[in-house]
C-alpha atoms as a PDB file:
ATOM      1  CA  MET A   1       0.000   0.000   0.000  1.00  0.00           C
ATOM      2  CA  LEU A   2       1.353   3.360  -0.999  1.00  0.00           C
ATOM      3  CA  MET A   3       1.344   6.159   1.559  1.00  0.00           C
ATOM      4  CA  ARG A   4      -0.472   9.243   0.474  1.00  0.00           C
ATOM      5  CA  LYS A   5       1.273  12.576   0.781  1.00  0.00           C
ATOM      6  CA  ARG A   6      -0.651  14.866   3.121  1.00  0.00           C
ATOM      7  CA  ASP A   7      -1.193  18.503   2.195  1.00  0.00           C
ATOM      8  CA  GLY A   8      -1.713  21.267   4.731  1.00  0.00           C
ATOM      9  CA  PHE A   9      -0.165  22.497   7.931  1.00  0.00           C
ATOM     10  CA  SER A  10       0.450  20.697  11.151  1.00  0.00           C
ATOM     11  CA  LEU A  11      -1.012  21.948  14.403  1.00  0.00           C
ATOM     12  CA  ILE A  12       2.440  23.091  15.584  1.00  0.00           C
ATOM     13  CA  GLU A  13       2.930  25.213  12.461  1.00  0.00           C
ATOM     14  CA  LEU A  14      -0.448  26.883  12.943  1.00  0.00           C
ATOM     15  CA  LEU A  15       0.320  27.620  16.607  1.00  0.00           C
ATOM     16  CA  ILE A  16       3.643  29.215  15.634  1.00  0.00           C
ATOM     17  CA  VAL A  17       1.914  31.467  13.075  1.00  0.00           C
ATOM     18  CA  ILE A  18      -0.715  32.516  15.647  1.00  0.00           C
ATOM     19  CA  ALA A  19       2.021  33.240  18.211  1.00  0.00           C
ATOM     20  CA  ILE A  20       3.846  35.455  15.704  1.00  0.00           C
ATOM     21  CA  ILE A  21       0.632  37.363  14.888  1.00  0.00           C
ATOM     22  CA  LEU A  22      -0.067  37.905  18.604  1.00  0.00           C
ATOM     23  CA  LEU A  23       3.482  39.158  19.142  1.00  0.00           C
ATOM     24  CA  ILE A  24       3.154  41.676  16.304  1.00  0.00           C
ATOM     25  CA  ALA A  25      -0.227  42.821  17.686  1.00  0.00           C
ATOM     26  CA  ALA A  26       1.265  43.241  21.174  1.00  0.00           C
ATOM     27  CA  ILE A  27       3.898  45.531  19.703  1.00  0.00           C
ATOM     28  CA  ALA A  28       1.515  47.495  17.449  1.00  0.00           C
ATOM     29  CA  ILE A  29      -1.463  48.149  19.759  1.00  0.00           C
ATOM     30  CA  PRO A  30       0.309  50.486  22.244  1.00  0.00           C
ATOM     31  CA  ASN A  31       1.635  52.528  19.313  1.00  0.00           C
ATOM     32  CA  LEU A  32      -1.860  52.712  17.859  1.00  0.00           C
ATOM     33  CA  LEU A  33      -3.269  53.932  21.189  1.00  0.00           C
ATOM     34  CA  ARG A  34      -0.563  56.599  21.484  1.00  0.00           C
ATOM     35  CA  ALA A  35      -1.291  57.759  17.944  1.00  0.00           C
ATOM     36  CA  ARG A  36      -4.993  57.946  18.750  1.00  0.00           C
ATOM     37  CA  MET A  37      -4.335  60.045  21.876  1.00  0.00           C
ATOM     38  CA  ALA A  38      -2.111  62.390  19.846  1.00  0.00           C
ATOM     39  CA  ALA A  39      -4.885  62.758  17.262  1.00  0.00           C
ATOM     40  CA  ASN A  40      -7.429  63.477  20.012  1.00  0.00           C
ATOM     41  CA  GLU A  41      -5.133  66.142  21.479  1.00  0.00           C
ATOM     42  CA  SER A  42      -4.623  67.781  18.075  1.00  0.00           C
ATOM     43  CA  SER A  43      -8.385  67.800  17.598  1.00  0.00           C
ATOM     44  CA  ALA A  44      -8.843  69.338  21.065  1.00  0.00           C
ATOM     45  CA  VAL A  45      -6.426  72.184  20.246  1.00  0.00           C
ATOM     46  CA  ALA A  46      -8.284  72.827  16.977  1.00  0.00           C
ATOM     47  CA  SER A  47     -11.595  72.758  18.882  1.00  0.00           C
ATOM     48  CA  ILE A  48     -10.358  75.302  21.452  1.00  0.00           C
ATOM     49  CA  ARG A  49      -9.206  77.507  18.571  1.00  0.00           C
ATOM     50  CA  SER A  50     -12.634  77.162  16.895  1.00  0.00           C
ATOM     51  CA  ILE A  51     -14.396  78.025  20.156  1.00  0.00           C
ATOM     52  CA  SER A  52     -12.184  81.124  20.571  1.00  0.00           C
ATOM     53  CA  ILE A  53     -12.999  82.278  17.031  1.00  0.00           C
ATOM     54  CA  ALA A  54     -16.710  81.617  17.619  1.00  0.00           C
ATOM     55  CA  GLU A  55     -16.610  83.593  20.894  1.00  0.00           C
ATOM     56  CA  THR A  56     -15.075  86.582  19.107  1.00  0.00           C
ATOM     57  CA  ALA A  57     -17.714  86.382  16.356  1.00  0.00           C
ATOM     58  CA  TYR A  58     -20.449  86.103  19.001  1.00  0.00           C
ATOM     59  CA  TYR A  59     -19.103  89.198  20.776  1.00  0.00           C
ATOM     60  CA  THR A  60     -19.301  91.104  17.489  1.00  0.00           C
ATOM     61  CA  ALA A  61     -22.780  89.800  16.597  1.00  0.00           C
ATOM     62  CA  PHE A  62     -24.315  90.372  20.037  1.00  0.00           C
ATOM     63  CA  PRO A  63     -22.527  93.389  21.577  1.00  0.00           C
ATOM     64  CA  THR A  64     -25.212  93.894  24.239  1.00  0.00           C
ATOM     65  CA  ILE A  65     -24.467  90.402  25.618  1.00  0.00           C
ATOM     66  CA  GLY A  66     -20.709  90.228  25.036  1.00  0.00           C
ATOM     67  CA  PHE A  67     -19.206  86.735  24.946  1.00  0.00           C
ATOM     68  CA  ALA A  68     -21.525  83.711  24.973  1.00  0.00           C
ATOM     69  CA  LEU A  69     -22.599  82.632  28.438  1.00  0.00           C
ATOM     70  CA  GLN A  70     -22.074  78.942  27.630  1.00  0.00           C
ATOM     71  CA  ILE A  71     -20.722  76.840  24.764  1.00  0.00           C
ATOM     72  CA  GLN A  72     -24.183  75.622  23.713  1.00  0.00           C
ATOM     73  CA  HIS A  73     -25.116  79.195  22.760  1.00  0.00           C
ATOM     74  CA  LEU A  74     -22.448  79.076  20.054  1.00  0.00           C
ATOM     75  CA  GLY A  75     -24.034  76.031  18.406  1.00  0.00           C
ATOM     76  CA  ARG A  76     -26.611  75.655  15.716  1.00  0.00           C
ATOM     77  CA  THR A  77     -29.794  73.799  15.119  1.00  0.00           C
ATOM     78  CA  SER A  78     -31.320  72.882  11.789  1.00  0.00           C
ATOM     79  CA  PRO A  79     -32.483  75.170  10.259  1.00  0.00           C
ATOM     80  CA  CYS A  80     -30.228  77.702  11.876  1.00  0.00           C
ATOM     81  CA  THR A  81     -31.432  81.189  12.678  1.00  0.00           C
ATOM     82  CA  PRO A  82     -28.814  83.230  14.561  1.00  0.00           C
ATOM     83  CA  ALA A  83     -29.998  84.252  18.011  1.00  0.00           C
ATOM     84  CA  PRO A  84     -28.270  84.772  21.366  1.00  0.00           C
ATOM     85  CA  THR A  85     -28.930  81.138  22.381  1.00  0.00           C
ATOM     86  CA  THR A  86     -28.257  79.591  18.929  1.00  0.00           C
ATOM     87  CA  ALA A  87     -25.589  81.714  17.277  1.00  0.00           C
ATOM     88  CA  CYS A  88     -24.874  79.213  14.451  1.00  0.00           C
ATOM     89  CA  LEU A  89     -21.109  79.608  14.917  1.00  0.00           C
ATOM     90  CA  LEU A  90     -20.080  76.089  16.017  1.00  0.00           C
ATOM     91  CA  ASP A  91     -21.071  72.657  14.874  1.00  0.00           C
ATOM     92  CA  ASP A  92     -23.505  71.079  17.334  1.00  0.00           C
ATOM     93  CA  ASN A  93     -21.174  68.092  17.851  1.00  0.00           C
ATOM     94  CA  LEU A  94     -18.642  70.461  19.401  1.00  0.00           C
ATOM     95  CA  ALA A  95     -21.139  72.814  21.041  1.00  0.00           C
ATOM     96  CA  ASN A  96     -22.740  69.899  22.891  1.00  0.00           C
ATOM     97  CA  ALA A  97     -19.519  68.066  23.856  1.00  0.00           C
ATOM     98  CA  VAL A  98     -19.952  69.143  27.470  1.00  0.00           C
ATOM     99  CA  PRO A  99     -19.211  67.084  30.597  1.00  0.00           C
ATOM    100  CA  GLY A 100     -21.669  64.213  30.840  1.00  0.00           C
ATOM    101  CA  SER A 101     -21.974  63.865  27.051  1.00  0.00           C
ATOM    102  CA  PRO A 102     -20.070  61.436  24.794  1.00  0.00           C
ATOM    103  CA  GLY A 103     -17.738  64.344  23.991  1.00  0.00           C
ATOM    104  CA  HIS A 104     -15.914  65.186  20.777  1.00  0.00           C
ATOM    105  CA  SER A 105     -12.830  63.186  19.733  1.00  0.00           C
ATOM    106  CA  GLY A 106     -12.236  61.949  23.269  1.00  0.00           C
ATOM    107  CA  TYR A 107     -12.550  65.386  24.902  1.00  0.00           C
ATOM    108  CA  GLN A 108     -15.247  67.371  26.675  1.00  0.00           C
ATOM    109  CA  PHE A 109     -15.438  71.167  26.459  1.00  0.00           C
ATOM    110  CA  LEU A 110     -16.840  74.180  28.265  1.00  0.00           C
ATOM    111  CA  ALA A 111     -16.893  77.825  27.234  1.00  0.00           C
ATOM    112  CA  THR A 112     -18.004  80.295  29.841  1.00  0.00           C
ATOM    113  CA  GLY A 113     -18.771  83.996  29.403  1.00  0.00           C
ATOM    114  CA  ILE A 114     -17.650  86.034  32.402  1.00  0.00           C
ATOM    115  CA  SER A 115     -19.106  89.447  33.265  1.00  0.00           C
ATOM    116  CA  MET A 116     -16.143  90.749  35.315  1.00  0.00           C
ATOM    117  CA  GLY A 117     -18.510  93.077  37.205  1.00  0.00           C
ATOM    118  CA  SER A 118     -20.108  94.681  34.136  1.00  0.00           C
ATOM    119  CA  VAL A 119     -23.464  94.149  32.444  1.00  0.00           C
ATOM    120  CA  ILE A 120     -21.982  92.355  29.430  1.00  0.00           C
ATOM    121  CA  ASN A 121     -19.745  89.305  29.391  1.00  0.00           C
ATOM    122  CA  SER A 122     -16.404  90.994  28.800  1.00  0.00           C
ATOM    123  CA  ALA A 123     -14.275  87.843  29.070  1.00  0.00           C
ATOM    124  CA  TYR A 124     -14.520  84.152  28.342  1.00  0.00           C
ATOM    125  CA  VAL A 125     -12.729  80.915  29.096  1.00  0.00           C
ATOM    126  CA  ALA A 126     -12.808  77.900  26.777  1.00  0.00           C
ATOM    127  CA  GLY A 127     -11.500  74.668  28.230  1.00  0.00           C
ATOM    128  CA  GLY A 128     -11.167  71.070  27.146  1.00  0.00           C
ATOM    129  CA  THR A 129     -10.225  67.996  29.119  1.00  0.00           C
ATOM    130  CA  PRO A 130     -10.001  64.313  28.143  1.00  0.00           C
ATOM    131  CA  ILE A 131     -13.061  62.239  28.904  1.00  0.00           C
ATOM    132  CA  VAL A 132     -10.760  59.587  30.394  1.00  0.00           C
ATOM    133  CA  ALA A 133      -7.367  60.995  31.420  1.00  0.00           C
ATOM    134  CA  SER A 134      -4.410  58.954  30.109  1.00  0.00           C
ATOM    135  CA  SER A 135      -6.752  57.026  27.807  1.00  0.00           C
ATOM    136  CA  THR A 136      -8.387  59.509  25.434  1.00  0.00           C
ATOM    137  CA  GLY A 137      -5.775  62.207  26.066  1.00  0.00           C
ATOM    138  CA  THR A 138      -3.033  63.347  28.425  1.00  0.00           C
ATOM    139  CA  GLN A 139      -3.377  67.146  28.296  1.00  0.00           C
ATOM    140  CA  ASP A 140      -5.989  69.700  29.407  1.00  0.00           C
ATOM    141  CA  PHE A 141      -6.301  72.725  27.099  1.00  0.00           C
ATOM    142  CA  CYS A 142      -7.783  76.175  27.527  1.00  0.00           C
ATOM    143  CA  ALA A 143      -7.887  79.673  26.085  1.00  0.00           C
ATOM    144  CA  ALA A 144      -9.132  82.894  27.648  1.00  0.00           C
ATOM    145  CA  SER A 145     -10.090  86.182  26.010  1.00  0.00           C
ATOM    146  CA  ASP A 146      -6.499  86.632  24.825  1.00  0.00           C
ATOM    147  CA  ALA A 147      -7.007  83.510  22.598  1.00  0.00           C
ATOM    148  CA  VAL A 148      -3.645  82.041  23.664  1.00  0.00           C
ATOM    149  CA  ILE A 149      -3.933  78.273  23.884  1.00  0.00           C
ATOM    150  CA  ARG A 150      -2.527  76.845  27.084  1.00  0.00           C
ATOM    151  CA  SER A 151      -2.096  73.257  28.275  1.00  0.00           C
ATOM    152  CA  LYS A 152      -1.135  71.190  31.290  1.00  0.00           C
ATOM    153  CA  PRO A 153      -1.070  67.486  32.112  1.00  0.00           C
ATOM    154  CA  ALA A 154      -4.599  66.156  32.525  1.00  0.00           C
ATOM    155  CA  ILE A 155      -5.850  65.198  35.957  1.00  0.00           C
ATOM    156  CA  GLY A 156      -9.441  64.465  34.950  1.00  0.00           C
ATOM    157  CA  GLY A 157     -12.609  66.283  35.919  1.00  0.00           C
ATOM    158  CA  ALA A 158     -14.344  69.222  34.287  1.00  0.00           C
ATOM    159  CA  PRO A 159     -12.608  71.771  32.047  1.00  0.00           C
ATOM    160  CA  VAL A 160     -11.356  75.005  33.581  1.00  0.00           C
ATOM    161  CA  THR A 161     -13.978  77.801  33.857  1.00  0.00           C
ATOM    162  CA  THR A 162     -12.054  80.768  35.296  1.00  0.00           C
ATOM    163  CA  VAL A 163      -9.649  83.197  33.640  1.00  0.00           C
ATOM    164  CA  ALA A 164      -7.157  82.827  36.491  1.00  0.00           C
ATOM    165  CA  GLY A 165      -7.361  79.037  36.288  1.00  0.00           C
ATOM    166  CA  CYS A 166      -6.673  79.087  32.562  1.00  0.00           C
ATOM    167  CA  GLN A 167      -3.855  81.621  32.784  1.00  0.00           C
ATOM    168  CA  ALA A 168      -2.148  79.369  35.341  1.00  0.00           C
ATOM    169  CA  TYR A 169      -1.639  76.787  32.562  1.00  0.00           C
ATOM    170  CA  PRO A 170       1.648  77.071  30.638  1.00  0.00           C
ATOM    171  CA  VAL A 171       1.376  78.299  27.042  1.00  0.00           C
ATOM    172  CA  ALA A 172       1.008  75.328  24.652  1.00  0.00           C
ATOM    173  CA  ARG A 173       3.814  74.693  22.200  1.00  0.00           C
END
């Protein structure tokens, strides 16, 4: 009786291939997570910049109010009619990325108009913090009325809401 030649792989060969794939995945996944956090942080800086631009436009459009009292007032609904509570200046995904929401690109944001003792809101603070510190991002970001973006290592919690708190952050590079 002639022995037939068997085609295919042995169990040991398959286990070796699976072990190699798992090793490559173990090396690649941390790099992927770091890249995702860096992308989230870049998006957060761009979002703070967009909020600052929207605050300045709001101040110009509604001079009797000054800066928007809260970030949601900068947003828009469909169809959008500019008003003090729906200024149509920010996308709703960003305008509603407040603490307690799913956020925007791993971050949550607040923008607060501050009256500084006058009738109108003569200052504002825009802040962003990762939804899960050290997982969706490692830096908190903010900008005040001077529109300078500042950052510090994230500790979790809500974004900064005071001018002094924001100005205590080092200027972002």
